[in-house]
Amino acid sequence: MQAIEKWIADLGYKDYTLTVITADASSRQYYRLSVGEESFVIMDSSADKDSMYPFIDISVRLLKAKVEVPRIISQNIKEGFLLLSDLGSQHLADMLSPMSVELLYMKGISEIVKMQEIDTTGMDVYDKTFLMSEMNLMEEWYLRQHKSIFLSDKGLKNLENILEIIADEVLAQPQNIFVHRDFHSRNIMLESGKLALIDYQDAMSGALTYDLVSLLKDVYVEFDAKKMEELALEFKALKGLDVSDEEFLRWFDFMALQRHIKILGIFSRLNIRDAKSSYLKDIPLTLKYVLEVCEKYDVLAPLGELLKR
């Protein structure tokens, strides 16, 4: 905190208040700097200074695509600090209800369509190795560490085979598309009726439906599954995709499955390794999403049986 206060002084701010904003799942910390009638956000990446560079890079890409994100007002690369414009404290999650969800999610889908116009040259690629490494977190942290379920060599091989099928299904849909990677209701701000995005520094080049899945199958909030499928098909129409509804929903389902298998591992790891137990309450909905997809496709039945244990 002393280093931040020194930097604030170097920037010329006096008579300010500094309040903690809820930290995200990473090592970053956020503070609101209030000076008179103005307010800013300080992003403290001192624990992981290298994460600043992708944040700056992705910020520029998003702004060029006319996607609203925090403006970078000042930066201290040496210490790992950024001074950002303040998008307020109203998250999309705060405004969602059965009455508002369709309108707000259509706004979110419009932002996804805009993001998908971004040139992904130079961005890390969501390849099969990466898809598999994410899903493997589930066996290590959710099954073994959280549930104390230890698979035999045969069980591990069977699980690996199913995860490979999932990865191959994901890679069968259009690729090399800008992916925010965490496009959900807690990372979307509402500012004067417009949507603005945060927490996008981990963006990659990946599959067509990834951000759509993050929005419509949000692990923090649940709405009618049939309505979410209808909204997914609205996205398909907006994109003008020449593919059947059945095939597109298969893309959507398998992408959701990959993401939610990963999240089971991440939420368990956040609790066990990082002492962030608040994410445990979101595991049941995440697991529900996984089991629903497993019940739709025969090839996934063994995975469903394993997770029901």
C-alpha atoms as a PDB file:
ATOM      1  CA  MET A   1       0.000   0.000   0.000  1.00  0.00           C
ATOM      2  CA  GLN A   2       2.909   2.348   0.732  1.00  0.00           C
ATOM      3  CA  ALA A   3       4.130   2.066  -2.874  1.00  0.00           C
ATOM      4  CA  ILE A   4       0.653   2.892  -4.205  1.00  0.00           C
ATOM      5  CA  GLU A   5       0.338   5.915  -1.928  1.00  0.00           C
ATOM      6  CA  LYS A   6       3.752   7.177  -3.069  1.00  0.00           C
ATOM      7  CA  TRP A   7       2.682   6.790  -6.718  1.00  0.00           C
ATOM      8  CA  ILE A   8      -0.565   8.668  -6.064  1.00  0.00           C
ATOM      9  CA  ALA A   9       1.478  11.486  -4.541  1.00  0.00           C
ATOM     10  CA  ASP A  10       3.819  11.467  -7.554  1.00  0.00           C
ATOM     11  CA  LEU A  11       0.740  11.860  -9.786  1.00  0.00           C
ATOM     12  CA  GLY A  12      -0.100  15.022  -7.839  1.00  0.00           C
ATOM     13  CA  TYR A  13      -3.265  13.855  -6.107  1.00  0.00           C
ATOM     14  CA  LYS A  14      -3.929  15.148  -2.591  1.00  0.00           C
ATOM     15  CA  ASP A  15      -6.857  14.959  -0.184  1.00  0.00           C
ATOM     16  CA  TYR A  16      -8.048  11.668  -1.668  1.00  0.00           C
ATOM     17  CA  THR A  17      -9.672   8.528  -0.305  1.00  0.00           C
ATOM     18  CA  LEU A  18      -8.619   5.031  -1.325  1.00  0.00           C
ATOM     19  CA  THR A  19     -11.068   2.150  -0.906  1.00  0.00           C
ATOM     20  CA  VAL A  20     -10.678  -1.523  -1.743  1.00  0.00           C
ATOM     21  CA  ILE A  21     -12.798  -2.893  -4.572  1.00  0.00           C
ATOM     22  CA  THR A  22     -13.544  -6.600  -4.381  1.00  0.00           C
ATOM     23  CA  ALA A  23     -10.577  -8.451  -5.851  1.00  0.00           C
ATOM     24  CA  ASP A  24     -11.048 -10.940  -8.683  1.00  0.00           C
ATOM     25  CA  ALA A  25      -9.918 -14.566  -8.743  1.00  0.00           C
ATOM     26  CA  SER A  26      -6.393 -13.564  -9.761  1.00  0.00           C
ATOM     27  CA  SER A  27      -3.544 -12.044  -7.756  1.00  0.00           C
ATOM     28  CA  ARG A  28      -4.527  -8.527  -8.876  1.00  0.00           C
ATOM     29  CA  GLN A  29      -6.041  -6.031  -6.457  1.00  0.00           C
ATOM     30  CA  TYR A  30      -8.261  -3.056  -7.288  1.00  0.00           C
ATOM     31  CA  TYR A  31      -8.796   0.230  -5.445  1.00  0.00           C
ATOM     32  CA  ARG A  32     -11.102   3.178  -6.034  1.00  0.00           C
ATOM     33  CA  LEU A  33      -9.294   6.512  -5.830  1.00  0.00           C
ATOM     34  CA  SER A  34     -11.706   9.345  -5.034  1.00  0.00           C
ATOM     35  CA  VAL A  35     -10.494  12.926  -5.421  1.00  0.00           C
ATOM     36  CA  GLY A  36     -13.214  15.523  -4.906  1.00  0.00           C
ATOM     37  CA  GLU A  37     -15.937  14.825  -7.480  1.00  0.00           C
ATOM     38  CA  GLU A  38     -13.696  12.552  -9.550  1.00  0.00           C
ATOM     39  CA  SER A  39     -12.979   8.875  -9.106  1.00  0.00           C
ATOM     40  CA  PHE A  40     -10.534   6.468 -10.720  1.00  0.00           C
ATOM     41  CA  VAL A  41      -9.590   2.815 -10.373  1.00  0.00           C
ATOM     42  CA  ILE A  42      -6.079   1.654  -9.525  1.00  0.00           C
ATOM     43  CA  MET A  43      -5.164  -1.812 -10.756  1.00  0.00           C
ATOM     44  CA  ASP A  44      -2.400  -3.291  -8.621  1.00  0.00           C
ATOM     45  CA  SER A  45      -0.563  -5.985 -10.594  1.00  0.00           C
ATOM     46  CA  SER A  46       2.565  -5.829  -8.440  1.00  0.00           C
ATOM     47  CA  ALA A  47       2.267  -9.557  -7.692  1.00  0.00           C
ATOM     48  CA  ASP A  48       2.215 -10.346 -11.428  1.00  0.00           C
ATOM     49  CA  LYS A  49       3.685  -7.415 -13.345  1.00  0.00           C
ATOM     50  CA  ASP A  50       3.822  -9.344 -16.618  1.00  0.00           C
ATOM     51  CA  SER A  51      -0.008  -9.358 -16.702  1.00  0.00           C
ATOM     52  CA  MET A  52       0.039  -5.606 -17.345  1.00  0.00           C
ATOM     53  CA  TYR A  53       1.304  -5.985 -20.904  1.00  0.00           C
ATOM     54  CA  PRO A  54      -1.587  -8.146 -22.175  1.00  0.00           C
ATOM     55  CA  PHE A  55      -4.052  -5.864 -20.362  1.00  0.00           C
ATOM     56  CA  ILE A  56      -2.696  -2.841 -22.233  1.00  0.00           C
ATOM     57  CA  ASP A  57      -2.567  -4.720 -25.548  1.00  0.00           C
ATOM     58  CA  ILE A  58      -6.124  -6.072 -25.280  1.00  0.00           C
ATOM     59  CA  SER A  59      -7.427  -2.670 -24.103  1.00  0.00           C
ATOM     60  CA  VAL A  60      -6.157  -1.100 -27.330  1.00  0.00           C
ATOM     61  CA  ARG A  61      -7.660  -3.872 -29.475  1.00  0.00           C
ATOM     62  CA  LEU A  62     -11.062  -3.513 -27.782  1.00  0.00           C
ATOM     63  CA  LEU A  63     -11.110   0.269 -28.040  1.00  0.00           C
ATOM     64  CA  LYS A  64     -10.328   0.048 -31.764  1.00  0.00           C
ATOM     65  CA  ALA A  65     -13.387  -2.230 -32.097  1.00  0.00           C
ATOM     66  CA  LYS A  66     -15.496   0.421 -30.312  1.00  0.00           C
ATOM     67  CA  VAL A  67     -16.013  -1.835 -27.284  1.00  0.00           C
ATOM     68  CA  GLU A  68     -16.240   0.189 -24.076  1.00  0.00           C
ATOM     69  CA  VAL A  69     -13.432  -0.581 -21.590  1.00  0.00           C
ATOM     70  CA  PRO A  70     -11.585   1.410 -18.910  1.00  0.00           C
ATOM     71  CA  ARG A  71      -9.259   4.054 -20.319  1.00  0.00           C
ATOM     72  CA  ILE A  72      -5.640   3.882 -19.141  1.00  0.00           C
ATOM     73  CA  ILE A  73      -4.860   7.310 -17.682  1.00  0.00           C
ATOM     74  CA  SER A  74      -1.422   6.618 -16.245  1.00  0.00           C
ATOM     75  CA  GLN A  75       0.864   3.633 -15.843  1.00  0.00           C
ATOM     76  CA  ASN A  76       3.740   2.606 -13.613  1.00  0.00           C
ATOM     77  CA  ILE A  77       5.207  -0.459 -15.269  1.00  0.00           C
ATOM     78  CA  LYS A  78       8.076  -0.726 -12.791  1.00  0.00           C
ATOM     79  CA  GLU A  79       5.784  -1.090  -9.757  1.00  0.00           C
ATOM     80  CA  GLY A  80       2.916  -2.798 -11.590  1.00  0.00           C
ATOM     81  CA  PHE A  81       0.246  -0.107 -11.250  1.00  0.00           C
ATOM     82  CA  LEU A  82      -2.306   1.294 -13.703  1.00  0.00           C
ATOM     83  CA  LEU A  83      -4.609   4.268 -13.167  1.00  0.00           C
ATOM     84  CA  LEU A  84      -7.866   3.603 -15.010  1.00  0.00           C
ATOM     85  CA  SER A  85     -11.089   5.469 -15.666  1.00  0.00           C
ATOM     86  CA  ASP A  86     -13.851   4.410 -13.276  1.00  0.00           C
ATOM     87  CA  LEU A  87     -16.752   2.540 -14.889  1.00  0.00           C
ATOM     88  CA  GLY A  88     -18.770   2.686 -11.670  1.00  0.00           C
ATOM     89  CA  SER A  89     -19.963  -0.183  -9.528  1.00  0.00           C
ATOM     90  CA  GLN A  90     -23.092  -1.431 -11.310  1.00  0.00           C
ATOM     91  CA  HIS A  91     -22.459  -4.872 -12.755  1.00  0.00           C
ATOM     92  CA  LEU A  92     -24.739  -6.582 -15.240  1.00  0.00           C
ATOM     93  CA  ALA A  93     -25.328  -9.165 -12.512  1.00  0.00           C
ATOM     94  CA  ASP A  94     -27.011  -6.478 -10.387  1.00  0.00           C
ATOM     95  CA  MET A  95     -29.595  -5.746 -13.089  1.00  0.00           C
ATOM     96  CA  LEU A  96     -30.453  -9.230 -14.336  1.00  0.00           C
ATOM     97  CA  SER A  97     -33.945 -10.594 -13.709  1.00  0.00           C
ATOM     98  CA  PRO A  98     -36.345 -12.830 -15.658  1.00  0.00           C
ATOM     99  CA  MET A  99     -37.893  -9.608 -17.022  1.00  0.00           C
ATOM    100  CA  SER A 100     -34.644  -7.904 -18.085  1.00  0.00           C
ATOM    101  CA  VAL A 101     -32.456 -10.836 -19.071  1.00  0.00           C
ATOM    102  CA  GLU A 102     -33.435 -11.028 -22.750  1.00  0.00           C
ATOM    103  CA  LEU A 103     -32.817  -7.326 -23.408  1.00  0.00           C
ATOM    104  CA  LEU A 104     -29.541  -7.236 -21.457  1.00  0.00           C
ATOM    105  CA  TYR A 105     -28.216 -10.472 -22.913  1.00  0.00           C
ATOM    106  CA  MET A 106     -28.991  -9.247 -26.445  1.00  0.00           C
ATOM    107  CA  LYS A 107     -26.863  -6.197 -25.628  1.00  0.00           C
ATOM    108  CA  GLY A 108     -24.139  -8.590 -24.492  1.00  0.00           C
ATOM    109  CA  ILE A 109     -24.451 -10.608 -27.704  1.00  0.00           C
ATOM    110  CA  SER A 110     -24.020  -7.390 -29.711  1.00  0.00           C
ATOM    111  CA  GLU A 111     -20.757  -6.759 -27.850  1.00  0.00           C
ATOM    112  CA  ILE A 112     -19.574 -10.291 -28.649  1.00  0.00           C
ATOM    113  CA  VAL A 113     -20.269  -9.707 -32.352  1.00  0.00           C
ATOM    114  CA  LYS A 114     -18.197  -6.498 -32.174  1.00  0.00           C
ATOM    115  CA  MET A 115     -15.332  -8.240 -30.350  1.00  0.00           C
ATOM    116  CA  GLN A 116     -15.257 -10.993 -32.943  1.00  0.00           C
ATOM    117  CA  GLU A 117     -14.240  -8.440 -35.583  1.00  0.00           C
ATOM    118  CA  ILE A 118     -10.925  -7.880 -33.754  1.00  0.00           C
ATOM    119  CA  ASP A 119      -7.736  -8.993 -35.485  1.00  0.00           C
ATOM    120  CA  THR A 120      -6.234 -11.778 -33.345  1.00  0.00           C
ATOM    121  CA  THR A 121      -2.739 -11.619 -34.868  1.00  0.00           C
ATOM    122  CA  GLY A 122      -0.136 -12.199 -32.178  1.00  0.00           C
ATOM    123  CA  MET A 123      -2.605 -13.469 -29.571  1.00  0.00           C
ATOM    124  CA  ASP A 124      -2.185 -16.814 -27.804  1.00  0.00           C
ATOM    125  CA  VAL A 125      -4.190 -19.588 -29.460  1.00  0.00           C
ATOM    126  CA  TYR A 126      -6.731 -21.868 -27.796  1.00  0.00           C
ATOM    127  CA  ASP A 127      -5.314 -25.080 -29.279  1.00  0.00           C
ATOM    128  CA  LYS A 128      -5.995 -28.673 -28.262  1.00  0.00           C
ATOM    129  CA  THR A 129      -3.133 -28.764 -25.776  1.00  0.00           C
ATOM    130  CA  PHE A 130      -4.524 -25.725 -23.981  1.00  0.00           C
ATOM    131  CA  LEU A 131      -8.122 -26.996 -24.032  1.00  0.00           C
ATOM    132  CA  MET A 132      -6.931 -30.276 -22.488  1.00  0.00           C
ATOM    133  CA  SER A 133      -4.743 -28.606 -19.863  1.00  0.00           C
ATOM    134  CA  GLU A 134      -7.741 -26.565 -18.698  1.00  0.00           C
ATOM    135  CA  MET A 135     -10.029 -29.588 -18.445  1.00  0.00           C
ATOM    136  CA  ASN A 136      -7.363 -31.597 -16.610  1.00  0.00           C
ATOM    137  CA  LEU A 137      -7.737 -29.169 -13.700  1.00  0.00           C
ATOM    138  CA  MET A 138     -11.032 -30.905 -12.932  1.00  0.00           C
ATOM    139  CA  GLU A 139      -9.468 -34.300 -12.218  1.00  0.00           C
ATOM    140  CA  GLU A 140      -6.637 -32.840 -10.153  1.00  0.00           C
ATOM    141  CA  TRP A 141      -8.479 -30.247  -8.091  1.00  0.00           C
ATOM    142  CA  TYR A 142     -12.184 -31.166  -8.140  1.00  0.00           C
ATOM    143  CA  LEU A 143     -12.092 -34.967  -8.102  1.00  0.00           C
ATOM    144  CA  ARG A 144      -8.884 -35.649  -6.168  1.00  0.00           C
ATOM    145  CA  GLN A 145      -8.428 -32.632  -3.904  1.00  0.00           C
ATOM    146  CA  HIS A 146     -12.029 -31.499  -3.361  1.00  0.00           C
ATOM    147  CA  LYS A 147     -13.981 -34.771  -3.549  1.00  0.00           C
ATOM    148  CA  SER A 148     -11.220 -37.275  -2.645  1.00  0.00           C
ATOM    149  CA  ILE A 149     -12.083 -39.400  -5.684  1.00  0.00           C
ATOM    150  CA  PHE A 150      -9.007 -41.202  -7.021  1.00  0.00           C
ATOM    151  CA  LEU A 151      -9.339 -42.840 -10.424  1.00  0.00           C
ATOM    152  CA  SER A 152      -7.557 -46.050 -11.448  1.00  0.00           C
ATOM    153  CA  ASP A 153      -5.196 -45.989 -14.417  1.00  0.00           C
ATOM    154  CA  LYS A 154      -8.076 -47.304 -16.540  1.00  0.00           C
ATOM    155  CA  GLY A 155     -10.411 -44.645 -15.157  1.00  0.00           C
ATOM    156  CA  LEU A 156      -7.888 -41.913 -15.916  1.00  0.00           C
ATOM    157  CA  LYS A 157      -7.479 -43.214 -19.482  1.00  0.00           C
ATOM    158  CA  ASN A 158     -11.253 -43.321 -20.004  1.00  0.00           C
ATOM    159  CA  LEU A 159     -11.556 -39.756 -18.703  1.00  0.00           C
ATOM    160  CA  GLU A 160      -8.754 -38.582 -20.978  1.00  0.00           C
ATOM    161  CA  ASN A 161     -10.493 -40.151 -23.974  1.00  0.00           C
ATOM    162  CA  ILE A 162     -13.724 -38.295 -23.235  1.00  0.00           C
ATOM    163  CA  LEU A 163     -11.905 -35.011 -22.689  1.00  0.00           C
ATOM    164  CA  GLU A 164     -10.191 -35.483 -26.053  1.00  0.00           C
ATOM    165  CA  ILE A 165     -13.581 -35.982 -27.700  1.00  0.00           C
ATOM    166  CA  ILE A 166     -14.771 -32.722 -26.110  1.00  0.00           C
ATOM    167  CA  ALA A 167     -11.661 -30.848 -27.262  1.00  0.00           C
ATOM    168  CA  ASP A 168     -12.047 -32.177 -30.817  1.00  0.00           C
ATOM    169  CA  GLU A 169     -15.712 -31.110 -30.872  1.00  0.00           C
ATOM    170  CA  VAL A 170     -14.717 -27.605 -29.754  1.00  0.00           C
ATOM    171  CA  LEU A 171     -12.071 -27.404 -32.483  1.00  0.00           C
ATOM    172  CA  ALA A 172     -14.636 -28.470 -35.107  1.00  0.00           C
ATOM    173  CA  GLN A 173     -16.349 -25.065 -34.921  1.00  0.00           C
ATOM    174  CA  PRO A 174     -14.898 -21.838 -36.426  1.00  0.00           C
ATOM    175  CA  GLN A 175     -11.598 -20.831 -34.788  1.00  0.00           C
ATOM    176  CA  ASN A 176      -9.110 -17.921 -34.665  1.00  0.00           C
ATOM    177  CA  ILE A 177     -11.752 -15.612 -33.203  1.00  0.00           C
ATOM    178  CA  PHE A 178     -11.227 -13.072 -30.413  1.00  0.00           C
ATOM    179  CA  VAL A 179     -12.260 -14.631 -27.078  1.00  0.00           C
ATOM    180  CA  HIS A 180     -12.622 -12.487 -23.935  1.00  0.00           C
ATOM    181  CA  ARG A 181     -12.542 -15.757 -21.905  1.00  0.00           C
ATOM    182  CA  ASP A 182     -14.558 -14.478 -18.945  1.00  0.00           C
ATOM    183  CA  PHE A 183     -17.509 -12.695 -20.525  1.00  0.00           C
ATOM    184  CA  HIS A 184     -20.053 -13.064 -17.720  1.00  0.00           C
ATOM    185  CA  SER A 185     -22.338 -10.860 -15.639  1.00  0.00           C
ATOM    186  CA  ARG A 186     -19.698  -9.918 -13.058  1.00  0.00           C
ATOM    187  CA  ASN A 187     -17.241  -8.721 -15.714  1.00  0.00           C
ATOM    188  CA  ILE A 188     -19.745  -6.570 -17.604  1.00  0.00           C
ATOM    189  CA  MET A 189     -20.485  -3.120 -16.240  1.00  0.00           C
ATOM    190  CA  LEU A 190     -23.563  -1.008 -16.945  1.00  0.00           C
ATOM    191  CA  GLU A 191     -22.651   2.627 -17.478  1.00  0.00           C
ATOM    192  CA  SER A 192     -25.392   5.048 -18.616  1.00  0.00           C
ATOM    193  CA  GLY A 193     -27.312   2.149 -20.161  1.00  0.00           C
ATOM    194  CA  LYS A 194     -24.277   0.940 -22.140  1.00  0.00           C
ATOM    195  CA  LEU A 195     -22.217  -2.166 -21.503  1.00  0.00           C
ATOM    196  CA  ALA A 196     -18.528  -1.869 -20.637  1.00  0.00           C
ATOM    197  CA  LEU A 197     -16.085  -4.738 -20.145  1.00  0.00           C
ATOM    198  CA  ILE A 198     -13.476  -5.511 -17.505  1.00  0.00           C
ATOM    199  CA  ASP A 199     -11.106  -8.418 -16.720  1.00  0.00           C
ATOM    200  CA  TYR A 200     -10.176  -9.123 -20.339  1.00  0.00           C
ATOM    201  CA  GLN A 201      -6.380  -9.358 -20.058  1.00  0.00           C
ATOM    202  CA  ASP A 202      -6.442 -13.152 -20.551  1.00  0.00           C
ATOM    203  CA  ALA A 203      -8.118 -12.891 -23.985  1.00  0.00           C
ATOM    204  CA  MET A 204      -7.043 -15.433 -26.606  1.00  0.00           C
ATOM    205  CA  SER A 205      -7.766 -16.520 -30.155  1.00  0.00           C
ATOM    206  CA  GLY A 206     -10.236 -19.364 -30.025  1.00  0.00           C
ATOM    207  CA  ALA A 207     -13.656 -20.818 -30.771  1.00  0.00           C
ATOM    208  CA  LEU A 208     -16.714 -18.986 -32.084  1.00  0.00           C
ATOM    209  CA  THR A 209     -19.070 -19.815 -29.194  1.00  0.00           C
ATOM    210  CA  TYR A 210     -16.763 -19.366 -26.191  1.00  0.00           C
ATOM    211  CA  ASP A 211     -17.915 -15.908 -25.083  1.00  0.00           C
ATOM    212  CA  LEU A 212     -21.526 -16.743 -25.949  1.00  0.00           C
ATOM    213  CA  VAL A 213     -21.340 -19.702 -23.564  1.00  0.00           C
ATOM    214  CA  SER A 214     -19.787 -17.516 -20.844  1.00  0.00           C
ATOM    215  CA  LEU A 215     -22.714 -15.102 -21.124  1.00  0.00           C
ATOM    216  CA  LEU A 216     -25.670 -17.455 -21.544  1.00  0.00           C
ATOM    217  CA  LYS A 217     -24.450 -20.229 -19.237  1.00  0.00           C
ATOM    218  CA  ASP A 218     -23.091 -17.909 -16.551  1.00  0.00           C
ATOM    219  CA  VAL A 219     -21.903 -19.957 -13.559  1.00  0.00           C
ATOM    220  CA  TYR A 220     -23.018 -17.198 -11.162  1.00  0.00           C
ATOM    221  CA  VAL A 221     -26.626 -16.822 -12.321  1.00  0.00           C
ATOM    222  CA  GLU A 222     -29.126 -19.147 -13.997  1.00  0.00           C
ATOM    223  CA  PHE A 223     -32.027 -18.457 -16.331  1.00  0.00           C
ATOM    224  CA  ASP A 224     -34.431 -20.625 -18.334  1.00  0.00           C
ATOM    225  CA  ALA A 225     -32.361 -23.031 -20.444  1.00  0.00           C
ATOM    226  CA  LYS A 226     -34.790 -22.925 -23.384  1.00  0.00           C
ATOM    227  CA  LYS A 227     -34.627 -19.132 -23.472  1.00  0.00           C
ATOM    228  CA  MET A 228     -30.811 -19.294 -23.439  1.00  0.00           C
ATOM    229  CA  GLU A 229     -30.892 -21.650 -26.455  1.00  0.00           C
ATOM    230  CA  GLU A 230     -33.172 -19.193 -28.266  1.00  0.00           C
ATOM    231  CA  LEU A 231     -30.717 -16.386 -27.553  1.00  0.00           C
ATOM    232  CA  ALA A 232     -27.837 -18.561 -28.776  1.00  0.00           C
ATOM    233  CA  LEU A 233     -29.697 -18.992 -32.064  1.00  0.00           C
ATOM    234  CA  GLU A 234     -30.208 -15.199 -32.223  1.00  0.00           C
ATOM    235  CA  PHE A 235     -26.405 -14.937 -32.163  1.00  0.00           C
ATOM    236  CA  LYS A 236     -26.201 -17.483 -34.972  1.00  0.00           C
ATOM    237  CA  ALA A 237     -28.634 -15.374 -37.025  1.00  0.00           C
ATOM    238  CA  LEU A 238     -26.719 -12.144 -36.334  1.00  0.00           C
ATOM    239  CA  LYS A 239     -23.511 -13.814 -37.502  1.00  0.00           C
ATOM    240  CA  GLY A 240     -25.204 -15.142 -40.636  1.00  0.00           C
ATOM    241  CA  LEU A 241     -23.819 -18.621 -40.062  1.00  0.00           C
ATOM    242  CA  ASP A 242     -24.567 -21.227 -42.707  1.00  0.00           C
ATOM    243  CA  VAL A 243     -25.078 -24.127 -40.324  1.00  0.00           C
ATOM    244  CA  SER A 244     -28.149 -25.934 -38.973  1.00  0.00           C
ATOM    245  CA  ASP A 245     -29.582 -25.007 -35.581  1.00  0.00           C
ATOM    246  CA  GLU A 246     -28.815 -28.538 -34.371  1.00  0.00           C
ATOM    247  CA  GLU A 247     -25.156 -28.311 -35.362  1.00  0.00           C
ATOM    248  CA  PHE A 248     -24.769 -24.846 -33.878  1.00  0.00           C
ATOM    249  CA  LEU A 249     -26.288 -25.933 -30.547  1.00  0.00           C
ATOM    250  CA  ARG A 250     -23.899 -28.894 -30.524  1.00  0.00           C
ATOM    251  CA  TRP A 251     -21.009 -26.414 -30.867  1.00  0.00           C
ATOM    252  CA  PHE A 252     -22.555 -24.389 -28.040  1.00  0.00           C
ATOM    253  CA  ASP A 253     -23.048 -27.425 -25.768  1.00  0.00           C
ATOM    254  CA  PHE A 254     -19.553 -28.858 -26.167  1.00  0.00           C
ATOM    255  CA  MET A 255     -17.940 -25.446 -25.722  1.00  0.00           C
ATOM    256  CA  ALA A 256     -19.968 -24.988 -22.537  1.00  0.00           C
ATOM    257  CA  LEU A 257     -18.892 -28.420 -21.358  1.00  0.00           C
ATOM    258  CA  GLN A 258     -15.202 -27.635 -21.874  1.00  0.00           C
ATOM    259  CA  ARG A 259     -15.524 -24.339 -20.003  1.00  0.00           C
ATOM    260  CA  HIS A 260     -17.512 -25.747 -17.087  1.00  0.00           C
ATOM    261  CA  ILE A 261     -15.231 -28.770 -16.626  1.00  0.00           C
ATOM    262  CA  LYS A 262     -12.354 -26.303 -16.338  1.00  0.00           C
ATOM    263  CA  ILE A 263     -14.314 -24.155 -13.871  1.00  0.00           C
ATOM    264  CA  LEU A 264     -14.972 -27.117 -11.562  1.00  0.00           C
ATOM    265  CA  GLY A 265     -11.200 -27.426 -11.257  1.00  0.00           C
ATOM    266  CA  ILE A 266     -10.581 -23.699 -10.899  1.00  0.00           C
ATOM    267  CA  PHE A 267     -13.215 -23.124  -8.217  1.00  0.00           C
ATOM    268  CA  SER A 268     -11.851 -26.078  -6.226  1.00  0.00           C
ATOM    269  CA  ARG A 269      -8.290 -24.789  -6.610  1.00  0.00           C
ATOM    270  CA  LEU A 270      -9.290 -21.278  -5.519  1.00  0.00           C
ATOM    271  CA  ASN A 271     -10.647 -22.778  -2.300  1.00  0.00           C
ATOM    272  CA  ILE A 272      -7.846 -25.256  -1.570  1.00  0.00           C
ATOM    273  CA  ARG A 273      -4.753 -23.431  -2.812  1.00  0.00           C
ATOM    274  CA  ASP A 274      -5.755 -19.782  -2.555  1.00  0.00           C
ATOM    275  CA  ALA A 275      -8.120 -19.868   0.467  1.00  0.00           C
ATOM    276  CA  LYS A 276     -10.917 -18.243  -1.585  1.00  0.00           C
ATOM    277  CA  SER A 277     -13.829 -20.342  -0.375  1.00  0.00           C
ATOM    278  CA  SER A 278     -16.565 -18.045  -1.742  1.00  0.00           C
ATOM    279  CA  TYR A 279     -16.401 -19.843  -5.099  1.00  0.00           C
ATOM    280  CA  LEU A 280     -17.555 -23.150  -3.575  1.00  0.00           C
ATOM    281  CA  LYS A 281     -21.173 -21.982  -3.603  1.00  0.00           C
ATOM    282  CA  ASP A 282     -21.009 -21.703  -7.405  1.00  0.00           C
ATOM    283  CA  ILE A 283     -19.914 -25.315  -7.951  1.00  0.00           C
ATOM    284  CA  PRO A 284     -23.463 -26.811  -7.854  1.00  0.00           C
ATOM    285  CA  LEU A 285     -24.695 -24.704 -10.800  1.00  0.00           C
ATOM    286  CA  THR A 286     -21.479 -25.387 -12.727  1.00  0.00           C
ATOM    287  CA  LEU A 287     -21.914 -29.128 -12.129  1.00  0.00           C
ATOM    288  CA  LYS A 288     -25.577 -28.905 -13.152  1.00  0.00           C
ATOM    289  CA  TYR A 289     -24.580 -27.411 -16.500  1.00  0.00           C
ATOM    290  CA  VAL A 290     -22.062 -30.217 -17.051  1.00  0.00           C
ATOM    291  CA  LEU A 291     -24.544 -32.982 -16.229  1.00  0.00           C
ATOM    292  CA  GLU A 292     -27.231 -31.473 -18.474  1.00  0.00           C
ATOM    293  CA  VAL A 293     -24.925 -31.656 -21.492  1.00  0.00           C
ATOM    294  CA  CYS A 294     -23.753 -35.157 -20.559  1.00  0.00           C
ATOM    295  CA  GLU A 295     -27.387 -36.312 -20.581  1.00  0.00           C
ATOM    296  CA  LYS A 296     -27.937 -34.931 -24.109  1.00  0.00           C
ATOM    297  CA  TYR A 297     -25.142 -36.871 -25.850  1.00  0.00           C
ATOM    298  CA  ASP A 298     -24.589 -40.630 -25.506  1.00  0.00           C
ATOM    299  CA  VAL A 299     -20.809 -40.316 -25.942  1.00  0.00           C
ATOM    300  CA  LEU A 300     -20.681 -38.280 -22.714  1.00  0.00           C
ATOM    301  CA  ALA A 301     -22.645 -40.742 -20.545  1.00  0.00           C
ATOM    302  CA  PRO A 302     -19.532 -42.135 -18.767  1.00  0.00           C
ATOM    303  CA  LEU A 303     -18.477 -38.620 -17.740  1.00  0.00           C
ATOM    304  CA  GLY A 304     -21.948 -37.957 -16.367  1.00  0.00           C
ATOM    305  CA  GLU A 305     -21.832 -41.173 -14.346  1.00  0.00           C
ATOM    306  CA  LEU A 306     -18.400 -40.306 -12.943  1.00  0.00           C
ATOM    307  CA  LEU A 307     -19.483 -36.832 -11.822  1.00  0.00           C
ATOM    308  CA  LYS A 308     -22.709 -38.128 -10.266  1.00  0.00           C
ATOM    309  CA  ARG A 309     -20.500 -40.106  -7.860  1.00  0.00           C
END
